[in-house]
PDB file of N, CA and C in Angstrom:
ATOM      1  N   UNK A   1      -8.552 -41.697 -55.723  1.00  0.00           N
ATOM      2  CA  UNK A   1      -8.300 -40.974 -55.475  1.00  0.00           C
ATOM      3  C   UNK A   1      -7.634 -40.552 -54.167  1.00  0.00           C
ATOM      4  N   UNK A   2      -7.266 -39.666 -53.489  1.00  0.00           N
ATOM      5  CA  UNK A   2      -6.339 -39.859 -52.094  1.00  0.00           C
ATOM      6  C   UNK A   2      -7.338 -38.328 -51.239  1.00  0.00           C
ATOM      7  N   UNK A   3      -7.508 -38.491 -50.428  1.00  0.00           N
ATOM      8  CA  UNK A   3      -8.192 -37.226 -49.129  1.00  0.00           C
ATOM      9  C   UNK A   3      -6.951 -36.367 -48.910  1.00  0.00           C
ATOM     10  N   UNK A   4      -6.666 -35.725 -49.145  1.00  0.00           N
ATOM     11  CA  UNK A   4      -5.646 -34.553 -48.140  1.00  0.00           C
ATOM     12  C   UNK A   4      -5.433 -34.850 -46.884  1.00  0.00           C
ATOM     13  N   UNK A   5      -4.317 -34.857 -46.432  1.00  0.00           N
ATOM     14  CA  UNK A   5      -4.031 -35.432 -45.062  1.00  0.00           C
ATOM     15  C   UNK A   5      -4.125 -34.142 -44.109  1.00  0.00           C
ATOM     16  N   UNK A   6      -5.015 -34.857 -42.848  1.00  0.00           N
ATOM     17  CA  UNK A   6      -5.446 -33.669 -42.003  1.00  0.00           C
ATOM     18  C   UNK A   6      -4.443 -33.251 -41.184  1.00  0.00           C
ATOM     19  N   UNK A   7      -4.409 -31.703 -40.844  1.00  0.00           N
ATOM     20  CA  UNK A   7      -3.465 -31.294 -39.941  1.00  0.00           C
ATOM     21  C   UNK A   7      -3.814 -31.257 -38.714  1.00  0.00           C
ATOM     22  N   UNK A   8      -3.700 -31.130 -37.484  1.00  0.00           N
ATOM     23  CA  UNK A   8      -4.325 -31.188 -36.039  1.00  0.00           C
ATOM     24  C   UNK A   8      -2.919 -29.764 -35.708  1.00  0.00           C
ATOM     25  N   UNK A   9      -3.433 -28.276 -35.418  1.00  0.00           N
ATOM     26  CA  UNK A   9      -3.156 -27.728 -35.139  1.00  0.00           C
ATOM     27  C   UNK A   9      -3.135 -27.181 -33.858  1.00  0.00           C
ATOM     28  N   UNK A  10      -2.601 -27.433 -32.405  1.00  0.00           N
ATOM     29  CA  UNK A  10      -3.040 -27.177 -30.936  1.00  0.00           C
ATOM     30  C   UNK A  10      -3.885 -25.373 -31.051  1.00  0.00           C
ATOM     31  N   UNK A  11      -4.824 -25.348 -30.595  1.00  0.00           N
ATOM     32  CA  UNK A  11      -5.842 -24.127 -30.124  1.00  0.00           C
ATOM     33  C   UNK A  11      -4.716 -23.235 -29.283  1.00  0.00           C
ATOM     34  N   UNK A  12      -3.987 -22.312 -29.407  1.00  0.00           N
ATOM     35  CA  UNK A  12      -3.608 -21.336 -28.216  1.00  0.00           C
ATOM     36  C   UNK A  12      -4.710 -20.992 -26.934  1.00  0.00           C
ATOM     37  N   UNK A  13      -3.592 -21.312 -25.499  1.00  0.00           N
ATOM     38  CA  UNK A  13      -4.940 -21.218 -24.503  1.00  0.00           C
ATOM     39  C   UNK A  13      -5.104 -19.649 -24.623  1.00  0.00           C
ATOM     40  N   UNK A  14      -5.672 -19.083 -24.107  1.00  0.00           N
ATOM     41  CA  UNK A  14      -6.512 -17.605 -23.789  1.00  0.00           C
ATOM     42  C   UNK A  14      -5.303 -17.270 -23.247  1.00  0.00           C
ATOM     43  N   UNK A  15      -4.527 -18.005 -22.024  1.00  0.00           N
ATOM     44  CA  UNK A  15      -3.465 -17.087 -21.919  1.00  0.00           C
ATOM     45  C   UNK A  15      -2.538 -16.478 -22.701  1.00  0.00           C
ATOM     46  N   UNK A  16      -1.714 -17.991 -23.518  1.00  0.00           N
ATOM     47  CA  UNK A  16      -0.729 -17.922 -24.319  1.00  0.00           C
ATOM     48  C   UNK A  16      -1.059 -17.031 -25.496  1.00  0.00           C
ATOM     49  N   UNK A  17      -2.511 -16.779 -26.094  1.00  0.00           N
ATOM     50  CA  UNK A  17      -3.097 -15.620 -26.941  1.00  0.00           C
ATOM     51  C   UNK A  17      -2.748 -14.167 -26.201  1.00  0.00           C
ATOM     52  N   UNK A  18      -2.979 -14.281 -24.819  1.00  0.00           N
ATOM     53  CA  UNK A  18      -3.035 -12.706 -24.404  1.00  0.00           C
ATOM     54  C   UNK A  18      -1.363 -12.415 -24.243  1.00  0.00           C
ATOM     55  N   UNK A  19      -0.481 -13.151 -23.902  1.00  0.00           N
ATOM     56  CA  UNK A  19       1.037 -13.023 -23.767  1.00  0.00           C
ATOM     57  C   UNK A  19       1.350 -12.806 -25.163  1.00  0.00           C
ATOM     58  N   UNK A  20       1.217 -13.434 -26.728  1.00  0.00           N
ATOM     59  CA  UNK A  20       1.305 -12.868 -27.334  1.00  0.00           C
ATOM     60  C   UNK A  20       1.075 -11.748 -28.122  1.00  0.00           C
ATOM     61  N   UNK A  21      -0.005 -11.279 -28.053  1.00  0.00           N
ATOM     62  CA  UNK A  21      -0.861  -9.767 -27.975  1.00  0.00           C
ATOM     63  C   UNK A  21       0.216  -8.593 -27.020  1.00  0.00           C
ATOM     64  N   UNK A  22       0.550  -9.278 -25.812  1.00  0.00           N
ATOM     65  CA  UNK A  22       1.061  -8.208 -25.080  1.00  0.00           C
ATOM     66  C   UNK A  22       2.428  -8.032 -25.475  1.00  0.00           C
ATOM     67  N   UNK A  23       3.542  -9.347 -26.155  1.00  0.00           N
ATOM     68  CA  UNK A  23       4.502  -8.911 -26.067  1.00  0.00           C
ATOM     69  C   UNK A  23       4.394  -7.864 -27.992  1.00  0.00           C
ATOM     70  N   UNK A  24       3.563  -7.984 -28.538  1.00  0.00           N
ATOM     71  CA  UNK A  24       3.553  -7.643 -29.988  1.00  0.00           C
ATOM     72  C   UNK A  24       3.422  -5.746 -29.535  1.00  0.00           C
ATOM     73  N   UNK A  25       2.192  -5.488 -28.071  1.00  0.00           N
ATOM     74  CA  UNK A  25       2.344  -4.595 -28.112  1.00  0.00           C
ATOM     75  C   UNK A  25       3.189  -3.287 -27.118  1.00  0.00           C
ATOM     76  N   UNK A  26       4.004  -4.352 -26.431  1.00  0.00           N
ATOM     77  CA  UNK A  26       4.112  -3.426 -25.041  1.00  0.00           C
ATOM     78  C   UNK A  26       5.920  -3.809 -25.499  1.00  0.00           C
ATOM     79  N   UNK A  27       6.882  -3.165 -24.756  1.00  0.00           N
ATOM     80  CA  UNK A  27       8.155  -3.573 -24.732  1.00  0.00           C
ATOM     81  C   UNK A  27       8.217  -4.394 -23.936  1.00  0.00           C
ATOM     82  N   UNK A  28       9.599  -4.588 -23.456  1.00  0.00           N
ATOM     83  CA  UNK A  28       9.832  -5.567 -22.695  1.00  0.00           C
ATOM     84  C   UNK A  28      10.002  -5.151 -21.334  1.00  0.00           C
ATOM     85  N   UNK A  29      10.289  -3.385 -21.147  1.00  0.00           N
ATOM     86  CA  UNK A  29      10.264  -3.482 -19.689  1.00  0.00           C
ATOM     87  C   UNK A  29       8.793  -2.756 -19.550  1.00  0.00           C
ATOM     88  N   UNK A  30       8.200  -2.542 -20.253  1.00  0.00           N
ATOM     89  CA  UNK A  30       6.588  -2.488 -19.746  1.00  0.00           C
ATOM     90  C   UNK A  30       6.377  -4.063 -19.458  1.00  0.00           C
ATOM     91  N   UNK A  31       6.214  -4.771 -20.566  1.00  0.00           N
ATOM     92  CA  UNK A  31       6.064  -6.523 -19.580  1.00  0.00           C
ATOM     93  C   UNK A  31       5.926  -6.759 -18.810  1.00  0.00           C
ATOM     94  N   UNK A  32       7.784  -6.236 -18.592  1.00  0.00           N
ATOM     95  CA  UNK A  32       8.026  -6.705 -16.689  1.00  0.00           C
ATOM     96  C   UNK A  32       7.351  -6.049 -15.599  1.00  0.00           C
ATOM     97  N   UNK A  33       7.300  -4.680 -16.094  1.00  0.00           N
ATOM     98  CA  UNK A  33       6.537  -3.702 -14.842  1.00  0.00           C
ATOM     99  C   UNK A  33       4.874  -4.162 -14.662  1.00  0.00           C
ATOM    100  N   UNK A  34       4.578  -5.094 -16.073  1.00  0.00           N
ATOM    101  CA  UNK A  34       2.842  -5.587 -15.828  1.00  0.00           C
ATOM    102  C   UNK A  34       2.491  -7.233 -15.146  1.00  0.00           C
ATOM    103  N   UNK A  35       3.728  -7.317 -15.527  1.00  0.00           N
ATOM    104  CA  UNK A  35       3.700  -8.856 -15.287  1.00  0.00           C
ATOM    105  C   UNK A  35       4.077  -8.798 -13.024  1.00  0.00           C
ATOM    106  N   UNK A  36       5.167  -7.498 -12.953  1.00  0.00           N
ATOM    107  CA  UNK A  36       5.339  -7.929 -11.346  1.00  0.00           C
ATOM    108  C   UNK A  36       3.754  -6.851 -10.738  1.00  0.00           C
ATOM    109  N   UNK A  37       3.710  -6.223 -11.345  1.00  0.00           N
ATOM    110  CA  UNK A  37       2.682  -5.483 -10.873  1.00  0.00           C
ATOM    111  C   UNK A  37       1.522  -6.253 -10.793  1.00  0.00           C
ATOM    112  N   UNK A  38       1.246  -7.682 -11.270  1.00  0.00           N
ATOM    113  CA  UNK A  38       0.289  -8.398 -11.031  1.00  0.00           C
ATOM    114  C   UNK A  38       0.569  -9.548 -10.231  1.00  0.00           C
ATOM    115  N   UNK A  39       2.251  -9.996 -10.078  1.00  0.00           N
ATOM    116  CA  UNK A  39       2.311 -10.459  -9.202  1.00  0.00           C
ATOM    117  C   UNK A  39       1.878  -9.886  -7.540  1.00  0.00           C
ATOM    118  N   UNK A  40       2.537  -8.157  -7.724  1.00  0.00           N
ATOM    119  CA  UNK A  40       2.004  -7.737  -5.809  1.00  0.00           C
ATOM    120  C   UNK A  40       0.544  -8.075  -6.334  1.00  0.00           C
ATOM    121  N   UNK A  41      -0.281  -7.729  -6.607  1.00  0.00           N
ATOM    122  CA  UNK A  41      -1.987  -7.845  -6.646  1.00  0.00           C
ATOM    123  C   UNK A  41      -2.209  -9.289  -6.024  1.00  0.00           C
ATOM    124  N   UNK A  42      -1.488 -10.415  -6.559  1.00  0.00           N
ATOM    125  CA  UNK A  42      -2.062 -11.618  -5.910  1.00  0.00           C
ATOM    126  C   UNK A  42      -1.583 -11.831  -4.379  1.00  0.00           C
ATOM    127  N   UNK A  43       0.176 -11.170  -4.536  1.00  0.00           N
ATOM    128  CA  UNK A  43       0.503 -11.083  -3.021  1.00  0.00           C
ATOM    129  C   UNK A  43      -0.445 -10.299  -2.018  1.00  0.00           C
ATOM    130  N   UNK A  44      -0.870  -9.385  -2.530  1.00  0.00           N
ATOM    131  CA  UNK A  44      -1.773  -8.332  -1.361  1.00  0.00           C
ATOM    132  C   UNK A  44      -2.807  -9.453  -1.133  1.00  0.00           C
ATOM    133  N   UNK A  45      -3.472 -10.078  -2.246  1.00  0.00           N
ATOM    134  CA  UNK A  45      -4.392 -11.037  -1.859  1.00  0.00           C
ATOM    135  C   UNK A  45      -4.563 -11.900  -0.985  1.00  0.00           C
ATOM    136  N   UNK A  46      -2.967 -12.613  -0.853  1.00  0.00           N
ATOM    137  CA  UNK A  46      -2.800 -13.740  -0.522  1.00  0.00           C
ATOM    138  C   UNK A  46      -2.605 -13.265   1.153  1.00  0.00           C
ATOM    139  N   UNK A  47      -2.262 -12.455   1.048  1.00  0.00           N
ATOM    140  CA  UNK A  47      -1.818 -11.142   2.772  1.00  0.00           C
ATOM    141  C   UNK A  47      -3.242 -11.062   3.660  1.00  0.00           C
ATOM    142  N   UNK A  48      -3.971 -10.359   2.291  1.00  0.00           N
ATOM    143  CA  UNK A  48      -5.268 -10.004   3.361  1.00  0.00           C
ATOM    144  C   UNK A  48      -6.031 -11.871   3.501  1.00  0.00           C
ATOM    145  N   UNK A  49      -6.544 -12.514   3.090  1.00  0.00           N
ATOM    146  CA  UNK A  49      -6.512 -13.799   3.252  1.00  0.00           C
ATOM    147  C   UNK A  49      -5.844 -14.469   5.049  1.00  0.00           C
ATOM    148  N   UNK A  50      -4.376 -14.283   4.816  1.00  0.00           N
ATOM    149  CA  UNK A  50      -4.047 -14.596   5.726  1.00  0.00           C
ATOM    150  C   UNK A  50      -4.804 -13.845   7.170  1.00  0.00           C
ATOM    151  N   UNK A  51      -4.572 -12.575   6.977  1.00  0.00           N
ATOM    152  CA  UNK A  51      -5.139 -11.449   7.853  1.00  0.00           C
ATOM    153  C   UNK A  51      -6.388 -11.687   8.751  1.00  0.00           C
ATOM    154  N   UNK A  52      -7.241 -12.009   7.480  1.00  0.00           N
ATOM    155  CA  UNK A  52      -8.987 -12.676   7.848  1.00  0.00           C
ATOM    156  C   UNK A  52      -8.745 -13.856   8.370  1.00  0.00           C
ATOM    157  N   UNK A  53      -7.977 -14.817   8.530  1.00  0.00           N
ATOM    158  CA  UNK A  53      -8.109 -15.966   8.598  1.00  0.00           C
ATOM    159  C   UNK A  53      -7.481 -16.213  10.540  1.00  0.00           C
ATOM    160  N   UNK A  54      -6.623 -15.341  10.323  1.00  0.00           N
ATOM    161  CA  UNK A  54      -5.745 -14.789  12.049  1.00  0.00           C
ATOM    162  C   UNK A  54      -7.208 -14.365  12.830  1.00  0.00           C
ATOM    163  N   UNK A  55      -7.551 -12.888  11.848  1.00  0.00           N
ATOM    164  CA  UNK A  55      -8.521 -12.785  12.295  1.00  0.00           C
ATOM    165  C   UNK A  55      -9.658 -13.252  13.272  1.00  0.00           C
ATOM    166  N   UNK A  56     -10.085 -14.514  12.689  1.00  0.00           N
ATOM    167  CA  UNK A  56     -10.894 -15.185  12.850  1.00  0.00           C
ATOM    168  C   UNK A  56     -10.562 -16.314  14.074  1.00  0.00           C
ATOM    169  N   UNK A  57      -9.515 -16.737  14.180  1.00  0.00           N
ATOM    170  CA  UNK A  57      -8.285 -17.720  15.049  1.00  0.00           C
ATOM    171  C   UNK A  57      -8.763 -16.776  16.562  1.00  0.00           C
ATOM    172  N   UNK A  58      -8.129 -15.610  16.101  1.00  0.00           N
ATOM    173  CA  UNK A  58      -8.406 -14.650  17.403  1.00  0.00           C
ATOM    174  C   UNK A  58      -9.319 -14.502  18.118  1.00  0.00           C
ATOM    175  N   UNK A  59     -10.663 -14.567  16.945  1.00  0.00           N
ATOM    176  CA  UNK A  59     -11.804 -14.263  17.433  1.00  0.00           C
ATOM    177  C   UNK A  59     -12.657 -15.219  18.343  1.00  0.00           C
ATOM    178  N   UNK A  60     -12.181 -16.285  18.094  1.00  0.00           N
ATOM    179  CA  UNK A  60     -12.803 -17.634  18.414  1.00  0.00           C
ATOM    180  C   UNK A  60     -12.176 -17.931  19.419  1.00  0.00           C
ATOM    181  N   UNK A  61     -10.740 -17.523  20.175  1.00  0.00           N
ATOM    182  CA  UNK A  61      -9.884 -17.794  21.218  1.00  0.00           C
ATOM    183  C   UNK A  61     -10.334 -17.021  22.213  1.00  0.00           C
ATOM    184  N   UNK A  62     -10.771 -15.472  21.795  1.00  0.00           N
ATOM    185  CA  UNK A  62     -11.466 -14.785  22.848  1.00  0.00           C
ATOM    186  C   UNK A  62     -12.369 -15.285  23.004  1.00  0.00           C
ATOM    187  N   UNK A  63     -13.578 -15.776  22.430  1.00  0.00           N
ATOM    188  CA  UNK A  63     -15.109 -16.409  22.544  1.00  0.00           C
ATOM    189  C   UNK A  63     -14.816 -17.343  23.286  1.00  0.00           C
ATOM    190  N   UNK A  64     -13.862 -18.627  23.326  1.00  0.00           N
ATOM    191  CA  UNK A  64     -13.634 -19.147  24.366  1.00  0.00           C
ATOM    192  C   UNK A  64     -13.325 -19.050  25.671  1.00  0.00           C
ATOM    193  N   UNK A  65     -12.330 -17.922  25.513  1.00  0.00           N
ATOM    194  CA  UNK A  65     -12.116 -17.326  27.157  1.00  0.00           C
ATOM    195  C   UNK A  65     -13.405 -16.530  27.610  1.00  0.00           C
ATOM    196  N   UNK A  66     -13.933 -16.772  27.024  1.00  0.00           N
ATOM    197  CA  UNK A  66     -15.340 -15.725  27.548  1.00  0.00           C
ATOM    198  C   UNK A  66     -16.381 -16.503  28.639  1.00  0.00           C
TER     199      UNK A  66
END
């Protein structure tokens, strides 16, 4: 008696699963808008981090001169 062959299927990542659901629910324009909005959020976070780092440098320079 032979056992049935075992087939391995890759489990999709959460990101891929969410993208699949998104593509079913949203039209192309909405999907693009959502991705653009997320890209803008990430860019805002990066700029905020850069501002905080610049602030720290300026404060350190000011403290050093005092």
